[in-house]
PDB file of N, CA and C in Angstrom:
ATOM      1  N   MET A   1      -5.726 -11.875  -3.222  1.00  0.00           N
ATOM      2  CA  MET A   1      -6.537 -10.757  -2.419  1.00  0.00           C
ATOM      3  C   MET A   1      -7.986 -10.986  -2.467  1.00  0.00           C
ATOM      4  N   ILE A   2      -8.505 -11.602  -3.518  1.00  0.00           N
ATOM      5  CA  ILE A   2      -9.919 -11.990  -3.447  1.00  0.00           C
ATOM      6  C   ILE A   2     -10.160 -13.232  -2.469  1.00  0.00           C
ATOM      7  N   PRO A   3      -9.389 -14.447  -2.561  1.00  0.00           N
ATOM      8  CA  PRO A   3      -9.707 -15.271  -1.585  1.00  0.00           C
ATOM      9  C   PRO A   3      -9.591 -14.854  -0.229  1.00  0.00           C
ATOM     10  N   VAL A   4      -8.650 -13.901   0.146  1.00  0.00           N
ATOM     11  CA  VAL A   4      -8.485 -13.439   1.607  1.00  0.00           C
ATOM     12  C   VAL A   4      -9.751 -12.645   1.629  1.00  0.00           C
ATOM     13  N   LEU A   5     -10.300 -11.921   0.856  1.00  0.00           N
ATOM     14  CA  LEU A   5     -11.639 -11.208   1.107  1.00  0.00           C
ATOM     15  C   LEU A   5     -12.644 -12.090   1.182  1.00  0.00           C
ATOM     16  N   ARG A   6     -12.887 -13.272   0.655  1.00  0.00           N
ATOM     17  CA  ARG A   6     -14.110 -14.235   0.763  1.00  0.00           C
ATOM     18  C   ARG A   6     -13.741 -14.937   2.228  1.00  0.00           C
ATOM     19  N   VAL A   7     -12.714 -15.290   2.755  1.00  0.00           N
ATOM     20  CA  VAL A   7     -12.337 -15.817   3.914  1.00  0.00           C
ATOM     21  C   VAL A   7     -12.830 -14.803   4.991  1.00  0.00           C
ATOM     22  N   ASN A   8     -12.404 -13.620   4.717  1.00  0.00           N
ATOM     23  CA  ASN A   8     -12.914 -12.610   5.890  1.00  0.00           C
ATOM     24  C   ASN A   8     -14.328 -12.440   5.951  1.00  0.00           C
ATOM     25  N   ALA A   9     -14.888 -12.459   4.583  1.00  0.00           N
ATOM     26  CA  ALA A   9     -16.401 -12.422   4.664  1.00  0.00           C
ATOM     27  C   ALA A   9     -17.040 -13.516   5.426  1.00  0.00           C
ATOM     28  N   GLN A  10     -16.370 -14.732   5.277  1.00  0.00           N
ATOM     29  CA  GLN A  10     -17.135 -15.776   6.012  1.00  0.00           C
ATOM     30  C   GLN A  10     -17.185 -15.623   7.572  1.00  0.00           C
ATOM     31  N   TYR A  11     -16.028 -14.903   8.046  1.00  0.00           N
ATOM     32  CA  TYR A  11     -15.853 -14.833   9.506  1.00  0.00           C
ATOM     33  C   TYR A  11     -16.544 -13.510  10.062  1.00  0.00           C
ATOM     34  N   TYR A  12     -16.215 -12.508   9.200  1.00  0.00           N
ATOM     35  CA  TYR A  12     -16.828 -11.218   9.713  1.00  0.00           C
ATOM     36  C   TYR A  12     -18.020 -10.521   9.081  1.00  0.00           C
ATOM     37  N   GLY A  13     -18.343 -11.144   8.105  1.00  0.00           N
ATOM     38  CA  GLY A  13     -19.396 -10.617   7.172  1.00  0.00           C
ATOM     39  C   GLY A  13     -18.907  -9.727   6.108  1.00  0.00           C
ATOM     40  N   TRP A  14     -19.657  -9.408   5.035  1.00  0.00           N
ATOM     41  CA  TRP A  14     -19.119  -8.769   4.022  1.00  0.00           C
ATOM     42  C   TRP A  14     -18.949  -7.194   4.317  1.00  0.00           C
ATOM     43  N   LYS A  15     -19.668  -6.576   5.195  1.00  0.00           N
ATOM     44  CA  LYS A  15     -19.453  -5.259   5.651  1.00  0.00           C
ATOM     45  C   LYS A  15     -18.081  -5.013   6.246  1.00  0.00           C
ATOM     46  N   MET A  16     -17.813  -6.015   7.354  1.00  0.00           N
ATOM     47  CA  MET A  16     -16.404  -5.771   7.839  1.00  0.00           C
ATOM     48  C   MET A  16     -15.425  -6.205   6.928  1.00  0.00           C
ATOM     49  N   ALA A  17     -15.258  -7.154   6.140  1.00  0.00           N
ATOM     50  CA  ALA A  17     -14.418  -7.756   5.142  1.00  0.00           C
ATOM     51  C   ALA A  17     -14.062  -6.696   4.216  1.00  0.00           C
ATOM     52  N   LEU A  18     -15.341  -5.765   3.743  1.00  0.00           N
ATOM     53  CA  LEU A  18     -14.853  -4.713   2.845  1.00  0.00           C
ATOM     54  C   LEU A  18     -14.069  -3.477   3.587  1.00  0.00           C
ATOM     55  N   TYR A  19     -14.572  -3.412   4.871  1.00  0.00           N
ATOM     56  CA  TYR A  19     -13.930  -2.234   5.677  1.00  0.00           C
ATOM     57  C   TYR A  19     -12.385  -2.667   5.745  1.00  0.00           C
ATOM     58  N   ILE A  20     -12.225  -3.969   6.121  1.00  0.00           N
ATOM     59  CA  ILE A  20     -10.807  -4.342   6.329  1.00  0.00           C
ATOM     60  C   ILE A  20      -9.984  -4.307   4.931  1.00  0.00           C
ATOM     61  N   LEU A  21     -10.539  -4.476   3.754  1.00  0.00           N
ATOM     62  CA  LEU A  21      -9.929  -4.264   2.637  1.00  0.00           C
ATOM     63  C   LEU A  21      -9.577  -2.709   2.305  1.00  0.00           C
ATOM     64  N   GLY A  22     -10.559  -1.913   2.639  1.00  0.00           N
ATOM     65  CA  GLY A  22     -10.508  -0.498   2.467  1.00  0.00           C
ATOM     66  C   GLY A  22      -9.205  -0.080   3.453  1.00  0.00           C
ATOM     67  N   VAL A  23      -9.109  -0.516   4.690  1.00  0.00           N
ATOM     68  CA  VAL A  23      -8.110  -0.034   5.571  1.00  0.00           C
ATOM     69  C   VAL A  23      -6.727  -0.570   5.025  1.00  0.00           C
ATOM     70  N   PHE A  24      -6.786  -1.679   4.541  1.00  0.00           N
ATOM     71  CA  PHE A  24      -5.590  -2.512   4.008  1.00  0.00           C
ATOM     72  C   PHE A  24      -5.071  -1.563   2.774  1.00  0.00           C
ATOM     73  N   LEU A  25      -5.820  -1.104   1.852  1.00  0.00           N
ATOM     74  CA  LEU A  25      -5.538  -0.319   0.663  1.00  0.00           C
ATOM     75  C   LEU A  25      -5.166   1.124   0.923  1.00  0.00           C
ATOM     76  N   VAL A  26      -5.732   1.710   2.134  1.00  0.00           N
ATOM     77  CA  VAL A  26      -4.926   2.882   2.512  1.00  0.00           C
ATOM     78  C   VAL A  26      -3.770   2.898   3.139  1.00  0.00           C
ATOM     79  N   VAL A  27      -3.632   1.878   3.895  1.00  0.00           N
ATOM     80  CA  VAL A  27      -2.289   1.521   4.633  1.00  0.00           C
ATOM     81  C   VAL A  27      -1.207   1.519   3.680  1.00  0.00           C
ATOM     82  N   LEU A  28      -1.632   0.646   2.453  1.00  0.00           N
ATOM     83  CA  LEU A  28      -0.589   0.294   1.561  1.00  0.00           C
ATOM     84  C   LEU A  28      -0.276   1.396   0.659  1.00  0.00           C
ATOM     85  N   VAL A  29      -1.154   2.271   0.359  1.00  0.00           N
ATOM     86  CA  VAL A  29      -0.707   3.506  -0.401  1.00  0.00           C
ATOM     87  C   VAL A  29      -0.033   4.471   0.566  1.00  0.00           C
ATOM     88  N   ALA A  30      -0.529   4.593   1.838  1.00  0.00           N
ATOM     89  CA  ALA A  30       0.362   5.667   2.797  1.00  0.00           C
ATOM     90  C   ALA A  30       1.614   5.265   2.913  1.00  0.00           C
ATOM     91  N   THR A  31       1.940   3.846   3.095  1.00  0.00           N
ATOM     92  CA  THR A  31       3.545   3.395   3.296  1.00  0.00           C
ATOM     93  C   THR A  31       4.116   3.425   2.065  1.00  0.00           C
ATOM     94  N   ALA A  32       3.486   3.186   0.904  1.00  0.00           N
ATOM     95  CA  ALA A  32       4.392   3.571  -0.280  1.00  0.00           C
ATOM     96  C   ALA A  32       4.850   4.904  -0.470  1.00  0.00           C
ATOM     97  N   MET A  33       3.828   5.875  -0.118  1.00  0.00           N
ATOM     98  CA  MET A  33       4.105   7.399  -0.275  1.00  0.00           C
ATOM     99  C   MET A  33       5.164   7.525   0.601  1.00  0.00           C
ATOM    100  N   LEU A  34       5.025   7.360   1.882  1.00  0.00           N
ATOM    101  CA  LEU A  34       6.161   7.553   2.880  1.00  0.00           C
ATOM    102  C   LEU A  34       7.432   6.929   2.588  1.00  0.00           C
ATOM    103  N   LEU A  35       7.591   5.651   2.109  1.00  0.00           N
ATOM    104  CA  LEU A  35       8.894   5.225   1.606  1.00  0.00           C
ATOM    105  C   LEU A  35       9.287   6.119   0.245  1.00  0.00           C
ATOM    106  N   HIS A  36       8.537   6.402  -0.543  1.00  0.00           N
ATOM    107  CA  HIS A  36       9.077   7.164  -1.700  1.00  0.00           C
ATOM    108  C   HIS A  36       9.609   8.637  -1.325  1.00  0.00           C
ATOM    109  N   TYR A  37       8.877   9.211  -0.508  1.00  0.00           N
ATOM    110  CA  TYR A  37       9.339  10.606  -0.256  1.00  0.00           C
ATOM    111  C   TYR A  37      10.290  10.604   0.697  1.00  0.00           C
ATOM    112  N   GLY A  38      10.239   9.470   1.745  1.00  0.00           N
ATOM    113  CA  GLY A  38      11.413   9.235   2.787  1.00  0.00           C
ATOM    114  C   GLY A  38      12.835   9.367   1.878  1.00  0.00           C
ATOM    115  N   PHE A  39      12.831   8.257   1.108  1.00  0.00           N
ATOM    116  CA  PHE A  39      14.019   7.895   0.373  1.00  0.00           C
ATOM    117  C   PHE A  39      14.371   9.187  -0.598  1.00  0.00           C
ATOM    118  N   ALA A  40      13.340   9.851  -1.204  1.00  0.00           N
ATOM    119  CA  ALA A  40      13.703  11.166  -1.975  1.00  0.00           C
ATOM    120  C   ALA A  40      14.192  12.022  -1.220  1.00  0.00           C
ATOM    121  N   ALA A  41      13.730  12.356   0.118  1.00  0.00           N
ATOM    122  CA  ALA A  41      14.254  13.347   0.974  1.00  0.00           C
ATOM    123  C   ALA A  41      15.757  13.004   1.438  1.00  0.00           C
ATOM    124  N   LEU A  42      16.046  11.693   1.361  1.00  0.00           N
ATOM    125  CA  LEU A  42      17.603  11.393   1.695  1.00  0.00           C
ATOM    126  C   LEU A  42      18.417  11.224   0.533  1.00  0.00           C
ATOM    127  N   GLY A  43      17.702  11.324  -0.657  1.00  0.00           N
ATOM    128  CA  GLY A  43      18.635  11.457  -2.026  1.00  0.00           C
ATOM    129  C   GLY A  43      18.897   9.832  -2.310  1.00  0.00           C
ATOM    130  N   TYR A  44      18.063   8.994  -2.012  1.00  0.00           N
ATOM    131  CA  TYR A  44      18.233   7.606  -2.413  1.00  0.00           C
ATOM    132  C   TYR A  44      17.265   7.319  -3.638  1.00  0.00           C
ATOM    133  N   CYS A  45      16.460   8.156  -3.813  1.00  0.00           N
ATOM    134  CA  CYS A  45      15.435   7.961  -5.152  1.00  0.00           C
ATOM    135  C   CYS A  45      16.080   7.908  -6.364  1.00  0.00           C
ATOM    136  N   LEU A  46      16.096   6.819  -7.164  1.00  0.00           N
ATOM    137  CA  LEU A  46      16.847   6.581  -8.487  1.00  0.00           C
ATOM    138  C   LEU A  46      16.197   7.363  -9.523  1.00  0.00           C
ATOM    139  N   LEU A  47      15.002   7.792  -9.430  1.00  0.00           N
ATOM    140  CA  LEU A  47      14.067   8.522 -10.354  1.00  0.00           C
ATOM    141  C   LEU A  47      14.588   9.948 -10.380  1.00  0.00           C
ATOM    142  N   GLN A  48      15.304  10.529  -9.348  1.00  0.00           N
ATOM    143  CA  GLN A  48      15.660  11.962  -9.396  1.00  0.00           C
ATOM    144  C   GLN A  48      17.063  12.104  -9.720  1.00  0.00           C
ATOM    145  N   LYS A  49      17.713  10.968  -9.883  1.00  0.00           N
ATOM    146  CA  LYS A  49      19.177  11.091 -10.264  1.00  0.00           C
ATOM    147  C   LYS A  49      19.398  11.019 -11.744  1.00  0.00           C
ATOM    148  N   ARG A  50      20.316  11.809 -12.370  1.00  0.00           N
ATOM    149  CA  ARG A  50      20.613  11.808 -13.606  1.00  0.00           C
ATOM    150  C   ARG A  50      21.840  10.976 -13.895  1.00  0.00           C
ATOM    151  N   PHE A  51      21.681  10.026 -14.926  1.00  0.00           N
ATOM    152  CA  PHE A  51      22.741   9.315 -15.186  1.00  0.00           C
ATOM    153  C   PHE A  51      23.316   9.843 -16.563  1.00  0.00           C
ATOM    154  N   ALA A  52      24.700   9.801 -16.605  1.00  0.00           N
ATOM    155  CA  ALA A  52      25.245  10.225 -17.850  1.00  0.00           C
ATOM    156  C   ALA A  52      25.330   9.246 -18.879  1.00  0.00           C
ATOM    157  N   PRO A  53      24.957   9.471 -20.176  1.00  0.00           N
ATOM    158  CA  PRO A  53      24.910   8.315 -21.237  1.00  0.00           C
ATOM    159  C   PRO A  53      26.274   7.694 -21.512  1.00  0.00           C
TER     160      PRO A  53
END
């Protein structure tokens, strides 16, 4: 992640590189939440199932 940030900073400058990093992190978290709650709604989330010992 850090090398990619440095390469982006060389091409776009630090302000734009940090903006790209921020957008990437927001999209990463949004995608993870969408997948988690989407699978939970469909009943595929293993954390919600109880297994018999």
